[in-house]
C-alpha atoms as a PDB file:
ATOM      1  CA  UNK A   1      65.878  19.984  46.276  1.00  0.00           C
ATOM      2  CA  UNK A   2      67.274  16.771  44.782  1.00  0.00           C
ATOM      3  CA  UNK A   3      67.725  16.564  41.045  1.00  0.00           C
ATOM      4  CA  UNK A   4      65.421  14.246  39.120  1.00  0.00           C
ATOM      5  CA  UNK A   5      66.888  10.956  38.001  1.00  0.00           C
ATOM      6  CA  UNK A   6      68.371  10.994  34.494  1.00  0.00           C
ATOM      7  CA  UNK A   7      67.631   7.704  32.728  1.00  0.00           C
ATOM      8  CA  UNK A   8      70.239   6.825  30.116  1.00  0.00           C
ATOM      9  CA  UNK A   9      70.635   3.589  28.189  1.00  0.00           C
ATOM     10  CA  UNK A  10      71.733   2.413  24.758  1.00  0.00           C
ATOM     11  CA  UNK A  11      69.125   3.223  22.117  1.00  0.00           C
ATOM     12  CA  UNK A  12      67.163   5.737  24.211  1.00  0.00           C
ATOM     13  CA  UNK A  13      65.317   8.534  22.428  1.00  0.00           C
ATOM     14  CA  UNK A  14      65.030  12.003  23.996  1.00  0.00           C
ATOM     15  CA  UNK A  15      63.367  15.323  23.394  1.00  0.00           C
ATOM     16  CA  UNK A  16      66.086  17.699  24.603  1.00  0.00           C
ATOM     17  CA  UNK A  17      65.614  21.380  25.373  1.00  0.00           C
ATOM     18  CA  UNK A  18      67.952  23.946  26.867  1.00  0.00           C
ATOM     19  CA  UNK A  19      67.006  27.532  27.703  1.00  0.00           C
ATOM     20  CA  UNK A  20      68.991  30.717  28.162  1.00  0.00           C
ATOM     21  CA  UNK A  21      69.840  31.932  31.650  1.00  0.00           C
ATOM     22  CA  UNK A  22      66.989  34.100  32.980  1.00  0.00           C
ATOM     23  CA  UNK A  23      65.261  33.325  29.644  1.00  0.00           C
ATOM     24  CA  UNK A  24      67.730  35.555  27.791  1.00  0.00           C
ATOM     25  CA  UNK A  25      68.690  34.878  24.184  1.00  0.00           C
ATOM     26  CA  UNK A  26      71.306  32.251  23.412  1.00  0.00           C
ATOM     27  CA  UNK A  27      71.509  33.103  19.698  1.00  0.00           C
ATOM     28  CA  UNK A  28      72.410  36.707  18.879  1.00  0.00           C
ATOM     29  CA  UNK A  29      73.249  36.450  15.173  1.00  0.00           C
ATOM     30  CA  UNK A  30      72.856  33.969  12.324  1.00  0.00           C
ATOM     31  CA  UNK A  31      76.558  33.212  12.707  1.00  0.00           C
ATOM     32  CA  UNK A  32      75.803  31.988  16.217  1.00  0.00           C
ATOM     33  CA  UNK A  33      73.191  29.593  14.863  1.00  0.00           C
ATOM     34  CA  UNK A  34      75.603  28.310  12.227  1.00  0.00           C
ATOM     35  CA  UNK A  35      78.229  27.803  14.932  1.00  0.00           C
ATOM     36  CA  UNK A  36      75.780  25.908  17.140  1.00  0.00           C
ATOM     37  CA  UNK A  37      74.826  23.558  14.314  1.00  0.00           C
ATOM     38  CA  UNK A  38      78.496  22.957  13.536  1.00  0.00           C
ATOM     39  CA  UNK A  39      79.148  22.067  17.185  1.00  0.00           C
ATOM     40  CA  UNK A  40      76.054  19.841  17.235  1.00  0.00           C
ATOM     41  CA  UNK A  41      77.366  18.005  14.182  1.00  0.00           C
ATOM     42  CA  UNK A  42      80.673  17.329  15.918  1.00  0.00           C
ATOM     43  CA  UNK A  43      78.917  16.128  19.063  1.00  0.00           C
ATOM     44  CA  UNK A  44      76.737  13.755  17.028  1.00  0.00           C
ATOM     45  CA  UNK A  45      79.837  12.343  15.365  1.00  0.00           C
ATOM     46  CA  UNK A  46      81.880  12.032  18.555  1.00  0.00           C
ATOM     47  CA  UNK A  47      79.142  10.472  20.681  1.00  0.00           C
ATOM     48  CA  UNK A  48      77.413   8.529  17.900  1.00  0.00           C
ATOM     49  CA  UNK A  49      74.117  10.387  18.304  1.00  0.00           C
ATOM     50  CA  UNK A  50      71.274  10.153  15.794  1.00  0.00           C
ATOM     51  CA  UNK A  51      69.557  13.522  15.430  1.00  0.00           C
ATOM     52  CA  UNK A  52      66.045  13.136  13.988  1.00  0.00           C
ATOM     53  CA  UNK A  53      64.901  16.756  14.314  1.00  0.00           C
ATOM     54  CA  UNK A  54      65.988  20.132  15.682  1.00  0.00           C
ATOM     55  CA  UNK A  55      64.784  23.703  15.990  1.00  0.00           C
ATOM     56  CA  UNK A  56      66.739  26.760  17.134  1.00  0.00           C
ATOM     57  CA  UNK A  57      64.584  29.476  18.661  1.00  0.00           C
ATOM     58  CA  UNK A  58      65.698  32.759  20.242  1.00  0.00           C
ATOM     59  CA  UNK A  59      66.340  31.831  23.851  1.00  0.00           C
ATOM     60  CA  UNK A  60      66.213  28.029  23.624  1.00  0.00           C
ATOM     61  CA  UNK A  61      66.523  25.076  21.292  1.00  0.00           C
ATOM     62  CA  UNK A  62      64.882  21.691  20.726  1.00  0.00           C
ATOM     63  CA  UNK A  63      66.547  18.430  19.703  1.00  0.00           C
ATOM     64  CA  UNK A  64      65.144  14.961  19.063  1.00  0.00           C
ATOM     65  CA  UNK A  65      68.135  12.680  19.529  1.00  0.00           C
ATOM     66  CA  UNK A  66      68.712   8.952  19.841  1.00  0.00           C
ATOM     67  CA  UNK A  67      71.715   7.693  21.810  1.00  0.00           C
ATOM     68  CA  UNK A  68      72.908   4.237  20.664  1.00  0.00           C
ATOM     69  CA  UNK A  69      75.576   4.305  23.377  1.00  0.00           C
ATOM     70  CA  UNK A  70      73.519   5.739  26.249  1.00  0.00           C
ATOM     71  CA  UNK A  71      75.610   8.890  26.634  1.00  0.00           C
ATOM     72  CA  UNK A  72      73.186  11.822  26.559  1.00  0.00           C
ATOM     73  CA  UNK A  73      74.705  13.720  29.503  1.00  0.00           C
ATOM     74  CA  UNK A  74      78.261  13.465  28.168  1.00  0.00           C
ATOM     75  CA  UNK A  75      77.228  14.808  24.796  1.00  0.00           C
ATOM     76  CA  UNK A  76      75.151  17.613  26.282  1.00  0.00           C
ATOM     77  CA  UNK A  77      78.023  18.780  28.462  1.00  0.00           C
ATOM     78  CA  UNK A  78      80.126  19.022  25.315  1.00  0.00           C
ATOM     79  CA  UNK A  79      77.412  20.744  23.272  1.00  0.00           C
ATOM     80  CA  UNK A  80      76.386  23.408  25.776  1.00  0.00           C
ATOM     81  CA  UNK A  81      79.892  23.861  27.147  1.00  0.00           C
ATOM     82  CA  UNK A  82      81.617  24.436  23.814  1.00  0.00           C
ATOM     83  CA  UNK A  83      78.823  26.681  22.553  1.00  0.00           C
ATOM     84  CA  UNK A  84      78.945  28.781  25.733  1.00  0.00           C
ATOM     85  CA  UNK A  85      82.691  29.249  25.256  1.00  0.00           C
ATOM     86  CA  UNK A  86      82.091  30.320  21.650  1.00  0.00           C
ATOM     87  CA  UNK A  87      79.409  32.872  22.586  1.00  0.00           C
ATOM     88  CA  UNK A  88      81.404  34.344  25.477  1.00  0.00           C
ATOM     89  CA  UNK A  89      84.485  34.692  23.334  1.00  0.00           C
ATOM     90  CA  UNK A  90      82.696  36.126  20.294  1.00  0.00           C
ATOM     91  CA  UNK A  91      80.469  38.585  22.144  1.00  0.00           C
ATOM     92  CA  UNK A  92      82.824  39.532  24.964  1.00  0.00           C
ATOM     93  CA  UNK A  93      80.657  38.188  27.738  1.00  0.00           C
ATOM     94  CA  UNK A  94      81.316  36.049  30.822  1.00  0.00           C
ATOM     95  CA  UNK A  95      79.339  33.655  32.985  1.00  0.00           C
ATOM     96  CA  UNK A  96      76.547  31.203  32.314  1.00  0.00           C
ATOM     97  CA  UNK A  97      74.706  31.175  29.027  1.00  0.00           C
ATOM     98  CA  UNK A  98      72.200  28.419  29.829  1.00  0.00           C
ATOM     99  CA  UNK A  99      69.753  28.198  32.706  1.00  0.00           C
ATOM    100  CA  UNK A 100      70.621  25.188  34.833  1.00  0.00           C
ATOM    101  CA  UNK A 101      70.665  21.676  33.444  1.00  0.00           C
ATOM    102  CA  UNK A 102      69.240  20.781  30.089  1.00  0.00           C
ATOM    103  CA  UNK A 103      65.860  19.017  30.030  1.00  0.00           C
ATOM    104  CA  UNK A 104      65.961  15.550  28.493  1.00  0.00           C
ATOM    105  CA  UNK A 105      62.566  13.837  28.216  1.00  0.00           C
ATOM    106  CA  UNK A 106      62.724  10.098  27.636  1.00  0.00           C
ATOM    107  CA  UNK A 107      60.452   9.175  24.731  1.00  0.00           C
ATOM    108  CA  UNK A 108      58.998   5.910  23.476  1.00  0.00           C
ATOM    109  CA  UNK A 109      60.253   5.777  19.911  1.00  0.00           C
ATOM    110  CA  UNK A 110      57.558   3.622  18.331  1.00  0.00           C
ATOM    111  CA  UNK A 111      54.682   5.743  19.617  1.00  0.00           C
ATOM    112  CA  UNK A 112      56.009   9.298  19.640  1.00  0.00           C
ATOM    113  CA  UNK A 113      58.915   9.772  17.219  1.00  0.00           C
ATOM    114  CA  UNK A 114      56.712  11.245  14.478  1.00  0.00           C
ATOM    115  CA  UNK A 115      54.581  13.336  16.830  1.00  0.00           C
ATOM    116  CA  UNK A 116      57.578  14.962  18.493  1.00  0.00           C
ATOM    117  CA  UNK A 117      59.403  15.517  15.208  1.00  0.00           C
ATOM    118  CA  UNK A 118      56.316  17.461  14.107  1.00  0.00           C
ATOM    119  CA  UNK A 119      56.002  19.316  17.409  1.00  0.00           C
ATOM    120  CA  UNK A 120      59.629  20.471  17.271  1.00  0.00           C
ATOM    121  CA  UNK A 121      59.550  21.961  13.765  1.00  0.00           C
ATOM    122  CA  UNK A 122      56.197  23.667  14.463  1.00  0.00           C
ATOM    123  CA  UNK A 123      57.556  25.696  17.378  1.00  0.00           C
ATOM    124  CA  UNK A 124      58.204  28.871  15.328  1.00  0.00           C
ATOM    125  CA  UNK A 125      54.702  28.659  13.822  1.00  0.00           C
ATOM    126  CA  UNK A 126      52.977  28.231  17.181  1.00  0.00           C
ATOM    127  CA  UNK A 127      55.060  31.092  18.581  1.00  0.00           C
ATOM    128  CA  UNK A 128      53.811  33.378  15.797  1.00  0.00           C
ATOM    129  CA  UNK A 129      57.298  33.939  14.377  1.00  0.00           C
ATOM    130  CA  UNK A 130      56.420  32.563  10.933  1.00  0.00           C
ATOM    131  CA  UNK A 131      53.252  31.397   9.203  1.00  0.00           C
ATOM    132  CA  UNK A 132      54.626  28.092   7.891  1.00  0.00           C
ATOM    133  CA  UNK A 133      57.460  25.784   9.037  1.00  0.00           C
ATOM    134  CA  UNK A 134      59.315  26.126   5.737  1.00  0.00           C
ATOM    135  CA  UNK A 135      59.697  29.855   6.409  1.00  0.00           C
ATOM    136  CA  UNK A 136      61.925  29.178   9.423  1.00  0.00           C
ATOM    137  CA  UNK A 137      65.469  28.372   8.254  1.00  0.00           C
ATOM    138  CA  UNK A 138      66.722  27.184  11.655  1.00  0.00           C
ATOM    139  CA  UNK A 139      64.903  23.882  11.963  1.00  0.00           C
ATOM    140  CA  UNK A 140      65.237  20.462  10.362  1.00  0.00           C
ATOM    141  CA  UNK A 141      61.968  20.843   8.438  1.00  0.00           C
ATOM    142  CA  UNK A 142      63.382  22.274   5.207  1.00  0.00           C
ATOM    143  CA  UNK A 143      66.069  19.600   4.952  1.00  0.00           C
ATOM    144  CA  UNK A 144      63.578  16.838   5.731  1.00  0.00           C
ATOM    145  CA  UNK A 145      61.193  17.853   2.935  1.00  0.00           C
ATOM    146  CA  UNK A 146      64.036  18.516   0.483  1.00  0.00           C
ATOM    147  CA  UNK A 147      63.861  22.314   0.351  1.00  0.00           C
ATOM    148  CA  UNK A 148      67.474  22.730   1.495  1.00  0.00           C
ATOM    149  CA  UNK A 149      70.634  20.681   1.774  1.00  0.00           C
ATOM    150  CA  UNK A 150      70.591  18.068   4.490  1.00  0.00           C
ATOM    151  CA  UNK A 151      72.966  18.551   7.412  1.00  0.00           C
ATOM    152  CA  UNK A 152      75.443  15.688   7.735  1.00  0.00           C
ATOM    153  CA  UNK A 153      74.323  14.897  11.289  1.00  0.00           C
ATOM    154  CA  UNK A 154      70.576  14.931  10.532  1.00  0.00           C
ATOM    155  CA  UNK A 155      69.010  11.469  10.153  1.00  0.00           C
ATOM    156  CA  UNK A 156      65.970  11.927   7.922  1.00  0.00           C
ATOM    157  CA  UNK A 157      65.760   8.455   6.373  1.00  0.00           C
ATOM    158  CA  UNK A 158      64.262   6.775   9.424  1.00  0.00           C
ATOM    159  CA  UNK A 159      61.687   9.518   9.849  1.00  0.00           C
ATOM    160  CA  UNK A 160      60.625   9.578   6.195  1.00  0.00           C
ATOM    161  CA  UNK A 161      60.507   5.793   5.894  1.00  0.00           C
ATOM    162  CA  UNK A 162      57.440   5.854   8.137  1.00  0.00           C
ATOM    163  CA  UNK A 163      55.495   7.633   5.366  1.00  0.00           C
ATOM    164  CA  UNK A 164      56.556   5.943   2.114  1.00  0.00           C
ATOM    165  CA  UNK A 165      59.371   3.966   0.515  1.00  0.00           C
ATOM    166  CA  UNK A 166      60.221   6.576  -2.121  1.00  0.00           C
ATOM    167  CA  UNK A 167      61.803   9.692  -0.669  1.00  0.00           C
ATOM    168  CA  UNK A 168      59.874  12.276  -2.708  1.00  0.00           C
ATOM    169  CA  UNK A 169      56.528  10.710  -1.870  1.00  0.00           C
ATOM    170  CA  UNK A 170      57.545  10.354   1.770  1.00  0.00           C
ATOM    171  CA  UNK A 171      58.586  14.027   1.961  1.00  0.00           C
ATOM    172  CA  UNK A 172      55.195  15.157   0.661  1.00  0.00           C
ATOM    173  CA  UNK A 173      53.391  12.936   3.137  1.00  0.00           C
ATOM    174  CA  UNK A 174      55.569  14.254   5.964  1.00  0.00           C
ATOM    175  CA  UNK A 175      54.792  17.854   4.944  1.00  0.00           C
ATOM    176  CA  UNK A 176      51.040  17.090   5.069  1.00  0.00           C
ATOM    177  CA  UNK A 177      51.490  15.431   8.456  1.00  0.00           C
ATOM    178  CA  UNK A 178      53.248  18.507   9.844  1.00  0.00           C
ATOM    179  CA  UNK A 179      50.622  20.874   8.402  1.00  0.00           C
ATOM    180  CA  UNK A 180      47.855  18.877  10.095  1.00  0.00           C
ATOM    181  CA  UNK A 181      49.490  19.449  13.470  1.00  0.00           C
ATOM    182  CA  UNK A 182      49.474  23.244  13.477  1.00  0.00           C
ATOM    183  CA  UNK A 183      46.202  23.405  15.414  1.00  0.00           C
ATOM    184  CA  UNK A 184      46.781  20.146  17.265  1.00  0.00           C
ATOM    185  CA  UNK A 185      46.972  19.743  21.033  1.00  0.00           C
ATOM    186  CA  UNK A 186      50.236  19.557  22.918  1.00  0.00           C
ATOM    187  CA  UNK A 187      51.812  16.088  22.918  1.00  0.00           C
ATOM    188  CA  UNK A 188      52.830  16.464  26.574  1.00  0.00           C
ATOM    189  CA  UNK A 189      49.583  15.287  28.193  1.00  0.00           C
ATOM    190  CA  UNK A 190      51.190  11.873  28.830  1.00  0.00           C
ATOM    191  CA  UNK A 191      54.376  13.344  30.312  1.00  0.00           C
ATOM    192  CA  UNK A 192      55.230  12.270  33.866  1.00  0.00           C
ATOM    193  CA  UNK A 193      58.578  12.848  35.606  1.00  0.00           C
ATOM    194  CA  UNK A 194      60.461  13.449  32.354  1.00  0.00           C
ATOM    195  CA  UNK A 195      59.212  10.167  30.830  1.00  0.00           C
ATOM    196  CA  UNK A 196      56.929  10.230  27.775  1.00  0.00           C
ATOM    197  CA  UNK A 197      55.502   6.758  27.296  1.00  0.00           C
ATOM    198  CA  UNK A 198      52.267   5.487  25.799  1.00  0.00           C
ATOM    199  CA  UNK A 199      49.928   4.156  28.462  1.00  0.00           C
ATOM    200  CA  UNK A 200      48.865   1.303  26.201  1.00  0.00           C
ATOM    201  CA  UNK A 201      52.468   0.175  26.118  1.00  0.00           C
ATOM    202  CA  UNK A 202      53.190   0.857  29.787  1.00  0.00           C
ATOM    203  CA  UNK A 203      50.699  -1.643  31.096  1.00  0.00           C
ATOM    204  CA  UNK A 204      50.916  -4.576  28.733  1.00  0.00           C
ATOM    205  CA  UNK A 205      51.565  -7.840  30.459  1.00  0.00           C
ATOM    206  CA  UNK A 206      54.708  -9.859  29.946  1.00  0.00           C
ATOM    207  CA  UNK A 207      54.934 -13.620  29.579  1.00  0.00           C
ATOM    208  CA  UNK A 208      56.459 -15.414  32.509  1.00  0.00           C
ATOM    209  CA  UNK A 209      55.274 -12.977  35.177  1.00  0.00           C
ATOM    210  CA  UNK A 210      51.994 -12.971  37.086  1.00  0.00           C
ATOM    211  CA  UNK A 211      49.583 -12.817  34.185  1.00  0.00           C
ATOM    212  CA  UNK A 212      48.498 -10.499  31.384  1.00  0.00           C
ATOM    213  CA  UNK A 213      47.833  -7.505  33.645  1.00  0.00           C
ATOM    214  CA  UNK A 214      51.298  -7.365  35.180  1.00  0.00           C
ATOM    215  CA  UNK A 215      52.626  -3.756  35.105  1.00  0.00           C
ATOM    216  CA  UNK A 216      55.648  -4.549  32.967  1.00  0.00           C
ATOM    217  CA  UNK A 217      56.076  -3.196  29.486  1.00  0.00           C
ATOM    218  CA  UNK A 218      56.904  -4.609  26.126  1.00  0.00           C
ATOM    219  CA  UNK A 219      59.068  -2.945  23.603  1.00  0.00           C
ATOM    220  CA  UNK A 220      60.078  -3.857  20.109  1.00  0.00           C
ATOM    221  CA  UNK A 221      63.289  -5.805  19.768  1.00  0.00           C
ATOM    222  CA  UNK A 222      65.806  -3.797  17.780  1.00  0.00           C
ATOM    223  CA  UNK A 223      67.299  -6.941  16.307  1.00  0.00           C
ATOM    224  CA  UNK A 224      64.329  -9.055  15.262  1.00  0.00           C
ATOM    225  CA  UNK A 225      61.569  -6.470  15.204  1.00  0.00           C
ATOM    226  CA  UNK A 226      59.232  -8.652  17.250  1.00  0.00           C
ATOM    227  CA  UNK A 227      57.546  -7.560  20.432  1.00  0.00           C
ATOM    228  CA  UNK A 228      59.255  -8.946  23.522  1.00  0.00           C
ATOM    229  CA  UNK A 229      58.262  -8.664  27.138  1.00  0.00           C
ATOM    230  CA  UNK A 230      60.718  -6.761  29.293  1.00  0.00           C
ATOM    231  CA  UNK A 231      60.879  -9.778  31.586  1.00  0.00           C
ATOM    232  CA  UNK A 232      62.036 -11.837  28.589  1.00  0.00           C
ATOM    233  CA  UNK A 233      64.757  -9.273  27.977  1.00  0.00           C
ATOM    234  CA  UNK A 234      65.934  -9.508  31.573  1.00  0.00           C
ATOM    235  CA  UNK A 235      65.667 -13.284  31.619  1.00  0.00           C
ATOM    236  CA  UNK A 236      67.811 -13.539  28.479  1.00  0.00           C
ATOM    237  CA  UNK A 237      70.607 -11.862  30.439  1.00  0.00           C
ATOM    238  CA  UNK A 238      70.636 -14.534  33.163  1.00  0.00           C
ATOM    239  CA  UNK A 239      72.818 -17.624  33.258  1.00  0.00           C
ATOM    240  CA  UNK A 240      72.431 -20.672  35.436  1.00  0.00           C
ATOM    241  CA  UNK A 241      75.206 -21.530  37.879  1.00  0.00           C
ATOM    242  CA  UNK A 242      75.862 -24.662  39.830  1.00  0.00           C
ATOM    243  CA  UNK A 243      73.325 -23.780  42.517  1.00  0.00           C
ATOM    244  CA  UNK A 244      69.535 -23.865  42.378  1.00  0.00           C
ATOM    245  CA  UNK A 245      69.153 -20.146  41.533  1.00  0.00           C
ATOM    246  CA  UNK A 246      70.176 -18.328  38.346  1.00  0.00           C
ATOM    247  CA  UNK A 247      72.925 -15.755  38.648  1.00  0.00           C
ATOM    248  CA  UNK A 248      72.445 -12.370  36.990  1.00  0.00           C
ATOM    249  CA  UNK A 249      74.920 -11.240  34.373  1.00  0.00           C
ATOM    250  CA  UNK A 250      75.676  -7.600  33.602  1.00  0.00           C
ATOM    251  CA  UNK A 251      73.151  -7.713  30.734  1.00  0.00           C
ATOM    252  CA  UNK A 252      70.382  -8.987  32.977  1.00  0.00           C
ATOM    253  CA  UNK A 253      71.061  -6.472  35.730  1.00  0.00           C
ATOM    254  CA  UNK A 254      71.264  -3.571  33.276  1.00  0.00           C
ATOM    255  CA  UNK A 255      67.902  -4.470  31.725  1.00  0.00           C
ATOM    256  CA  UNK A 256      66.323  -4.915  35.145  1.00  0.00           C
ATOM    257  CA  UNK A 257      67.562  -1.548  36.433  1.00  0.00           C
ATOM    258  CA  UNK A 258      66.480   0.212  33.241  1.00  0.00           C
ATOM    259  CA  UNK A 259      62.908  -0.985  33.370  1.00  0.00           C
ATOM    260  CA  UNK A 260      62.667  -0.591  37.133  1.00  0.00           C
ATOM    261  CA  UNK A 261      63.628   3.100  36.798  1.00  0.00           C
ATOM    262  CA  UNK A 262      61.118   3.710  34.013  1.00  0.00           C
ATOM    263  CA  UNK A 263      58.352   1.963  35.918  1.00  0.00           C
ATOM    264  CA  UNK A 264      59.067   3.996  39.043  1.00  0.00           C
ATOM    265  CA  UNK A 265      59.010   7.326  37.188  1.00  0.00           C
ATOM    266  CA  UNK A 266      56.231   6.781  34.698  1.00  0.00           C
ATOM    267  CA  UNK A 267      53.473   5.198  36.773  1.00  0.00           C
END
C-alpha cells in the first residue's frame, strides 16, 4: 500500500505522534524521558523548529511543532533515530523502537493551535494516569503555566499571548482553558487524510478566481497579518515575460503546489 503524501512547507504547523513498536513502551525510566527532551531540544535548534507543546506518555509521545523551514521529516529522522540509538545502547536492546513512520498531522494554526495545545497536555488526564495536568511532569503544561522552569526549546510566548498581554494573567487564563477541555470532545472530527483544517476556512472564495464560492482557501499573511487569498499568493510569485502569458517563478510554483496538495487531501 502506498504511503500517504507528506505535505511540508515553510511555516507549517503539525501535531506529531510516534508510537512504540507493537505498542511497547519507548520510555523505561525518567532518565529516558530526560534524554528524549534533551535530544528534542537539539533537534529544535538544528532544524529551527518551534515547539509549542509536548507530552511524553508510556509508549508514545505528542508534539505540536512549527517548521519555519519546511523540514519536518528531516528533523523527525534525527529525533527518533538518535533516541532509538540511546535506548538500545542504554538498555542493551537491538532493533526498532518505533512502529513505522511517525504521524504528522498538518494543522491550521489560526483555528487549532490552542485546541491542540490543550488536547496534548490533557492526554495523561484522559488516560486516567493523573487527575490534573499539573500532576504530570512530562508535558509542557507545567512550564507554560509557570509551575516549573521552561525548557529552552519550548515556545510559550506565542501560545500565552492569545490569552492576555501580561504573562501571569495569560497563564491563569490558559490554565482555565485547559481545565474546561477535560470533558470536551475530541478535536479530530475535522481530520481528513492527515490534514486538520477548518471547513470555514477551506471553502472561502479568493479574489481573482471564479467568484466567492471558489474552493480555494485564504490564510493569514505572516508578514502583514491581513487575510490574503491563496490565488493572490500564487499570483504574487508570477512575473511577466516578453510573451502574452506570465511565466511562473519558483515562488509561484511552490505556492501553487502547496495549496493544490492541501485541496486534494482535505476536501
